[in-house]
Amino acid sequence: MLTRKASVVGARSTAGDASTAKPSAMPAASTWTPECLRRAVDEVRALSCMFGDGASPAEDPTAVSDPESLLELAESALDAAEAGAGSTPGENALHAVPALEVTIKLLGDRLRGGGVDVVVRMPPGYPAFRAAEIRAEGNARATLDDLDRLRRAAESAVAEVGEGEESALSGVEAVRRAVAELAESAAAERAAAADAAAAAATSTAAMGSRQGSGVARRLIWFHHIKAPGKRKAAQTWAKELDLGGFSKPGYPGIIVIEGRAEDCEAYVSRLKRLTWKAMSVRVAEEDDAVVSERGGLRRLPAAFEELPENGLGIMGEALREAGLEHMLEAALKQRTVKWTG
């Protein structure tokens, strides 16, 4: 099967790599020490237990390539080194052990319709003198941008681990998180494209029915808004539905919209079709006044704006100026308000 690959060289590898070399010197180039090899063997076994067949839940299936033959060679070398401590045969046995390698398979439809393989390589000297090397492989539909994002995620995670500490699991988990974020973004983009097509097909018919609608507002609270695809969808849908207001991404995520009641409901319905860790409509209010086609009688700016992640204060000031400070208060107190003015 065709695959695309992205490699991450350990953040403390040789100076010829793009990463930074660890200042400490190895006892012997490309050779294991008994302590390093033992720690590497233990981590490979731990990864096999965590991600092996039967160890993962049905909704997050994983598997592990069989590293047993390589581990048996490593165990034999450790036995020989222990039996002949400091002797040439013991040193030769350690020298004969290559880098340890294990592949974590993220099964199912993870990225562009296929799974992702996370190849973990532990070079001689790992973890005391070298960092883990992580390589992500996707199916043929995975883009270079996808793989570059996986590479950067693993590289950052490995670099954050303290020198001399095991870094393989951190790299694997970083790739898993990045794969999930890419899948979320792709789903949001597909939903946005489908809704844009539907909105374009029905916009003329809907225009007449929207003339007499009252002013409505919604404040929607999220555990977080981080995925670029979701952020783009929030802005695109607000523009399509002629909604004004704000979106504050980050932790927590908050969206405030204002417009015709049916358009606010349509917007909330679209958001609910996406996957969120937590989402709730904290404020739902409507005025009896009629909204004109030019947006008369609205209190918030007609254009929908994405604020910075630290823009809660900006949002609060805008709501206070519009006489809507109760909306933000309701969000921060985590209570639901339904009000008709």
Protein backbone atom coordinates (compact mmCIF):
# COMPACT_ATOMS: atom_id res chain seq x y z
CA MET A 1 0.00 0.00 0.00
CA LEU A 2 1.27 3.47 -0.90
CA THR A 3 2.27 5.54 2.10
CA ARG A 4 3.60 9.00 2.84
CA LYS A 5 6.17 9.44 5.57
CA ALA A 6 7.26 12.19 7.92
CA SER A 7 10.34 11.71 10.09
CA VAL A 8 11.30 13.29 13.39
CA VAL A 9 14.93 12.91 14.39
CA GLY A 10 15.52 12.93 18.14
CA ALA A 11 15.98 16.40 19.52
CA ARG A 12 19.32 15.37 21.02
CA SER A 13 20.79 13.54 18.03
CA THR A 14 24.01 14.25 16.13
CA ALA A 15 25.02 17.72 15.03
CA GLY A 16 24.40 16.80 11.37
CA ASP A 17 20.65 16.59 12.06
CA ALA A 18 18.36 19.61 11.98
CA SER A 19 17.86 19.24 15.72
CA THR A 20 20.05 20.19 18.64
CA ALA A 21 22.75 17.80 19.86
CA LYS A 22 22.94 16.83 23.52
CA PRO A 23 26.11 18.24 25.06
CA SER A 24 26.94 15.02 26.89
CA ALA A 25 29.22 12.54 25.13
CA MET A 26 28.36 8.84 24.70
CA PRO A 27 30.76 6.29 26.15
CA ALA A 28 31.19 4.77 22.69
CA ALA A 29 29.60 5.90 19.45
CA SER A 30 26.67 3.75 18.28
CA THR A 31 26.98 1.37 21.24
CA TRP A 32 24.52 0.50 23.96
CA THR A 33 25.35 0.64 27.63
CA PRO A 34 23.63 -2.00 29.79
CA GLU A 35 21.57 0.64 31.59
CA CYS A 36 20.42 2.35 28.39
CA LEU A 37 19.53 -0.92 26.69
CA ARG A 38 17.58 -2.14 29.70
CA ARG A 39 15.56 1.08 29.83
CA ALA A 40 14.90 0.96 26.09
CA VAL A 41 13.74 -2.67 26.27
CA ASP A 42 11.42 -1.83 29.14
CA GLU A 43 9.88 1.07 27.22
CA VAL A 44 9.30 -1.02 24.09
CA ARG A 45 7.50 -3.61 26.22
CA ALA A 46 5.45 -0.84 27.85
CA LEU A 47 4.42 0.55 24.45
CA SER A 48 3.44 -2.96 23.34
CA CYS A 49 1.24 -3.38 26.41
CA MET A 50 -0.39 0.04 25.98
CA PHE A 51 -1.17 -0.18 22.27
CA GLY A 52 -1.10 -3.90 21.48
CA ASP A 53 -4.04 -6.02 20.32
CA GLY A 54 -6.83 -6.00 22.86
CA ALA A 55 -5.34 -3.14 24.87
CA SER A 56 -7.23 -0.32 23.14
CA PRO A 57 -10.94 0.58 23.30
CA ALA A 58 -13.16 -0.17 20.29
CA GLU A 59 -13.56 3.53 19.48
CA ASP A 60 -9.78 4.06 19.41
CA PRO A 61 -8.29 0.87 17.91
CA THR A 62 -4.52 0.42 17.89
CA ALA A 63 -2.04 -2.37 17.25
CA VAL A 64 1.72 -2.88 17.59
CA SER A 65 4.22 -4.58 15.29
CA ASP A 66 5.86 -7.62 16.85
CA PRO A 67 9.26 -6.53 18.27
CA GLU A 68 9.93 -9.81 20.07
CA SER A 69 12.87 -11.07 17.98
CA LEU A 70 14.72 -7.80 18.48
CA LEU A 71 13.91 -7.78 22.18
CA GLU A 72 15.21 -11.35 22.54
CA LEU A 73 18.51 -10.25 20.96
CA ALA A 74 18.67 -7.33 23.38
CA GLU A 75 17.89 -9.54 26.39
CA SER A 76 20.61 -12.01 25.36
CA ALA A 77 23.12 -9.18 25.05
CA LEU A 78 22.18 -7.92 28.50
CA ASP A 79 22.66 -11.40 29.96
CA ALA A 80 26.08 -11.68 28.29
CA ALA A 81 27.09 -8.22 29.49
CA GLU A 82 26.04 -9.06 33.04
CA ALA A 83 27.86 -12.40 33.02
CA GLY A 84 31.08 -10.89 31.68
CA ALA A 85 30.96 -7.41 33.10
CA GLY A 86 33.74 -5.30 31.63
CA SER A 87 34.93 -8.12 29.33
CA THR A 88 35.32 -7.94 25.58
CA PRO A 89 32.64 -10.61 24.86
CA GLY A 90 30.11 -8.67 26.92
CA GLU A 91 30.94 -5.43 25.13
CA ASN A 92 30.74 -7.17 21.74
CA ALA A 93 27.29 -8.52 22.58
CA LEU A 94 26.02 -5.00 23.32
CA HIS A 95 27.68 -3.66 20.19
CA ALA A 96 25.78 -6.22 18.08
CA VAL A 97 22.38 -4.89 19.17
CA PRO A 98 20.98 -2.42 16.62
CA ALA A 99 18.53 0.36 17.31
CA LEU A 100 15.27 -0.90 18.80
CA GLU A 101 12.22 -0.20 16.66
CA VAL A 102 8.49 -0.65 17.20
CA THR A 103 5.51 0.53 15.14
CA ILE A 104 2.31 1.78 16.78
CA LYS A 105 -0.60 1.37 14.33
CA LEU A 106 -3.49 3.83 14.70
CA LEU A 107 -6.17 1.77 12.99
CA GLY A 108 -9.39 2.83 11.26
CA ASP A 109 -10.28 6.02 9.44
CA ARG A 110 -7.81 8.33 11.15
CA LEU A 111 -6.48 10.56 8.38
CA ARG A 112 -7.82 11.04 4.86
CA GLY A 113 -9.70 7.73 4.98
CA GLY A 114 -6.94 5.51 6.37
CA GLY A 115 -4.83 4.65 9.38
CA VAL A 116 -1.55 6.12 10.56
CA ASP A 117 1.61 4.23 11.55
CA VAL A 118 3.86 5.78 14.18
CA VAL A 119 7.31 4.23 13.91
CA VAL A 120 9.42 4.62 17.05
CA ARG A 121 13.19 4.11 16.78
CA MET A 122 15.43 4.06 19.84
CA PRO A 123 19.07 4.42 18.73
CA PRO A 124 22.01 3.04 20.75
CA GLY A 125 22.54 5.33 23.72
CA TYR A 126 18.82 6.06 24.16
CA PRO A 127 17.57 7.47 26.47
CA ALA A 128 20.57 8.75 28.42
CA PHE A 129 22.50 10.13 25.42
CA ARG A 130 20.07 10.10 22.50
CA ALA A 131 16.39 10.95 22.04
CA ALA A 132 13.75 8.80 20.38
CA GLU A 133 13.23 9.15 16.64
CA ILE A 134 9.58 9.25 15.52
CA ARG A 135 8.34 8.65 11.96
CA ALA A 136 4.69 9.04 10.94
CA GLU A 137 3.35 7.24 7.87
CA GLY A 138 -0.08 7.85 6.35
CA ASN A 139 -1.95 6.49 3.35
CA ALA A 140 -1.44 7.87 -0.14
CA ARG A 141 -4.13 10.53 0.34
CA ALA A 142 -2.32 12.12 3.28
CA THR A 143 -0.88 15.47 2.19
CA LEU A 144 2.61 16.79 2.78
CA ASP A 145 1.07 19.45 5.04
CA ASP A 146 -0.60 16.70 7.10
CA LEU A 147 2.67 14.86 7.58
CA ASP A 148 4.58 18.05 8.33
CA ARG A 149 2.10 18.83 11.11
CA LEU A 150 2.59 15.34 12.57
CA ARG A 151 6.36 15.74 12.34
CA ARG A 152 6.32 19.07 14.13
CA ALA A 153 4.01 17.77 16.85
CA ALA A 154 6.28 14.81 17.60
CA GLU A 155 9.43 16.93 17.37
CA SER A 156 8.08 19.43 19.87
CA ALA A 157 6.97 16.73 22.31
CA VAL A 158 10.31 14.91 22.19
CA ALA A 159 12.21 18.18 22.67
CA GLU A 160 10.18 19.03 25.78
CA VAL A 161 11.22 15.85 27.58
CA GLY A 162 14.10 16.31 30.00
CA GLU A 163 17.56 15.21 28.87
CA GLY A 164 18.24 11.60 29.70
CA GLU A 165 14.52 10.78 30.08
CA GLU A 166 12.38 8.39 28.02
CA SER A 167 10.73 10.37 25.19
CA ALA A 168 9.15 7.73 22.91
CA LEU A 169 5.70 7.73 24.52
CA SER A 170 5.55 11.54 24.48
CA GLY A 171 6.23 11.52 20.75
CA VAL A 172 3.59 8.86 20.06
CA GLU A 173 0.92 10.67 22.08
CA ALA A 174 1.72 13.96 20.34
CA VAL A 175 1.17 12.32 16.93
CA ARG A 176 -2.13 10.82 18.13
CA ARG A 177 -3.38 14.24 19.26
CA ALA A 178 -2.29 15.88 16.01
CA VAL A 179 -4.07 13.18 13.96
CA ALA A 180 -7.29 13.77 15.93
CA GLU A 181 -7.06 17.54 15.38
CA LEU A 182 -6.51 17.05 11.64
CA ALA A 183 -9.56 14.78 11.47
CA GLU A 184 -11.67 17.39 13.31
CA SER A 185 -10.57 20.14 10.94
CA ALA A 186 -11.30 18.02 7.87
CA ALA A 187 -14.80 17.16 9.15
CA ALA A 188 -15.55 20.81 9.88
CA GLU A 189 -14.38 21.86 6.42
CA ARG A 190 -16.57 19.21 4.76
CA ALA A 191 -19.59 20.31 6.79
CA ALA A 192 -18.95 23.96 5.96
CA ALA A 193 -18.67 23.20 2.24
CA ALA A 194 -21.90 21.18 2.25
CA ASP A 195 -23.79 23.87 4.12
CA ALA A 196 -22.45 26.60 1.86
CA ALA A 197 -23.77 24.75 -1.18
CA ALA A 198 -27.15 24.21 0.47
CA ALA A 199 -27.36 27.84 1.56
CA ALA A 200 -26.55 29.10 -1.94
CA ALA A 201 -29.29 26.90 -3.44
CA THR A 202 -31.99 28.14 -1.06
CA SER A 203 -30.98 31.76 -0.38
CA THR A 204 -33.42 33.32 -2.84
CA ALA A 205 -36.43 31.43 -1.48
CA ALA A 206 -35.44 32.10 2.11
CA MET A 207 -35.05 35.86 1.64
CA GLY A 208 -38.77 36.54 1.47
CA SER A 209 -39.60 34.53 4.60
CA ARG A 210 -37.00 36.37 6.65
CA GLN A 211 -38.53 39.87 6.25
CA GLY A 212 -40.65 39.79 9.39
CA SER A 213 -38.35 38.01 11.82
CA GLY A 214 -37.56 39.44 15.27
CA VAL A 215 -34.13 40.19 16.69
CA ALA A 216 -32.58 37.18 18.44
CA ARG A 217 -29.32 36.59 20.27
CA ARG A 218 -27.50 33.49 21.41
CA LEU A 219 -24.44 33.02 23.59
CA ILE A 220 -22.88 29.60 23.06
CA TRP A 221 -20.24 28.24 25.46
CA PHE A 222 -17.65 25.58 24.49
CA HIS A 223 -15.03 23.73 26.51
CA HIS A 224 -12.63 24.95 23.82
CA ILE A 225 -12.50 26.13 20.21
CA LYS A 226 -9.08 25.28 18.76
CA ALA A 227 -9.40 23.36 15.47
CA PRO A 228 -8.80 25.72 12.49
CA GLY A 229 -11.62 24.06 10.53
CA LYS A 230 -14.17 24.73 13.27
CA ARG A 231 -13.04 28.33 13.65
CA LYS A 232 -13.40 28.88 9.92
CA ALA A 233 -16.84 27.23 9.89
CA ALA A 234 -18.06 29.50 12.70
CA GLN A 235 -17.14 32.59 10.67
CA THR A 236 -18.37 31.26 7.31
CA TRP A 237 -21.78 30.24 8.65
CA ALA A 238 -22.29 33.56 10.46
CA LYS A 239 -21.61 35.45 7.23
CA GLU A 240 -23.95 33.19 5.23
CA LEU A 241 -26.78 33.72 7.72
CA ASP A 242 -26.20 37.47 8.07
CA LEU A 243 -25.39 37.19 11.78
CA GLY A 244 -23.38 39.73 13.71
CA GLY A 245 -21.40 39.09 16.86
CA PHE A 246 -18.14 37.61 18.07
CA SER A 247 -16.22 34.38 18.43
CA LYS A 248 -13.56 33.96 21.11
CA PRO A 249 -11.50 30.82 20.45
CA GLY A 250 -9.31 29.02 22.98
CA TYR A 251 -10.24 27.82 26.48
CA PRO A 252 -13.14 28.31 26.98
CA GLY A 253 -14.63 29.09 23.58
CA ILE A 254 -17.49 31.60 23.45
CA ILE A 255 -19.63 32.65 20.48
CA VAL A 256 -22.19 35.48 20.60
CA ILE A 257 -24.52 35.92 17.61
CA GLU A 258 -27.31 38.35 16.78
CA GLY A 259 -29.77 38.31 13.89
CA ARG A 260 -33.09 36.85 12.87
CA ALA A 261 -34.39 34.15 15.17
CA GLU A 262 -34.55 31.43 12.52
CA ASP A 263 -31.02 32.23 11.39
CA CYS A 264 -29.71 32.00 14.96
CA GLU A 265 -31.39 28.61 15.32
CA ALA A 266 -29.94 27.42 12.01
CA TYR A 267 -26.47 28.53 13.12
CA VAL A 268 -26.70 26.68 16.44
CA SER A 269 -27.99 23.58 14.65
CA ARG A 270 -24.98 23.59 12.31
CA LEU A 271 -22.54 23.91 15.20
CA LYS A 272 -24.16 20.98 16.99
CA ARG A 273 -23.39 18.75 14.01
CA LEU A 274 -19.67 19.15 14.72
CA THR A 275 -17.88 17.19 17.43
CA TRP A 276 -17.26 19.15 20.65
CA LYS A 277 -15.93 18.13 24.03
CA ALA A 278 -18.65 20.32 25.57
CA MET A 279 -21.09 22.82 24.05
CA SER A 280 -24.15 24.56 25.52
CA VAL A 281 -26.36 27.54 24.65
CA ARG A 282 -26.03 29.64 27.80
CA VAL A 283 -28.22 32.58 26.66
CA ALA A 284 -31.16 32.53 24.23
CA GLU A 285 -33.11 35.77 23.95
CA GLU A 286 -35.43 37.45 21.46
CA ASP A 287 -36.84 40.96 20.98
CA ASP A 288 -40.27 41.59 19.52
CA ALA A 289 -38.93 44.28 17.21
CA VAL A 290 -38.60 43.36 13.54
CA VAL A 291 -35.20 43.24 11.88
CA SER A 292 -35.03 45.10 8.59
CA GLU A 293 -33.00 43.78 5.68
CA ARG A 294 -30.27 46.26 6.64
CA GLY A 295 -30.12 44.93 10.17
CA GLY A 296 -31.89 47.79 11.93
CA LEU A 297 -32.57 47.51 15.67
CA ARG A 298 -29.59 45.27 16.28
CA ARG A 299 -27.36 46.12 19.22
CA LEU A 300 -24.18 44.37 18.10
CA PRO A 301 -22.03 45.13 15.04
CA ALA A 302 -23.47 43.63 11.86
CA ALA A 303 -20.18 41.95 10.95
CA PHE A 304 -19.16 38.75 12.73
CA GLU A 305 -15.62 38.98 14.14
CA GLU A 306 -13.18 36.41 15.55
CA LEU A 307 -11.40 37.83 18.59
CA PRO A 308 -7.99 36.68 19.86
CA GLU A 309 -7.89 33.82 22.37
CA ASN A 310 -7.34 36.34 25.16
CA GLY A 311 -10.16 38.55 23.88
CA LEU A 312 -12.69 37.91 26.64
CA GLY A 313 -12.24 41.48 27.87
CA ILE A 314 -12.88 42.87 24.38
CA MET A 315 -16.07 40.83 24.13
CA GLY A 316 -17.19 41.97 27.59
CA GLU A 317 -16.66 45.64 26.75
CA ALA A 318 -18.64 45.32 23.50
CA LEU A 319 -21.53 43.63 25.31
CA ARG A 320 -21.54 46.30 28.03
CA GLU A 321 -21.65 49.07 25.44
CA ALA A 322 -24.62 47.33 23.80
CA GLY A 323 -26.44 46.92 27.13
CA LEU A 324 -26.02 43.16 26.98
CA GLU A 325 -23.60 42.58 29.86
CA HIS A 326 -25.99 39.98 31.30
CA MET A 327 -25.01 37.65 28.46
CA LEU A 328 -21.36 37.42 29.45
CA GLU A 329 -22.27 37.21 33.14
CA ALA A 330 -24.45 34.19 32.36
CA ALA A 331 -21.61 32.49 30.52
CA LEU A 332 -19.08 33.05 33.28
CA LYS A 333 -21.52 31.87 35.96
CA GLN A 334 -22.30 28.81 33.83
CA ARG A 335 -26.05 29.16 33.93
CA THR A 336 -28.59 29.09 31.13
CA VAL A 337 -30.76 32.15 30.50
CA LYS A 338 -33.77 32.33 28.22
CA TRP A 339 -35.11 35.85 28.06
CA THR A 340 -37.63 37.66 25.85
CA GLY A 341 -37.43 41.43 25.84
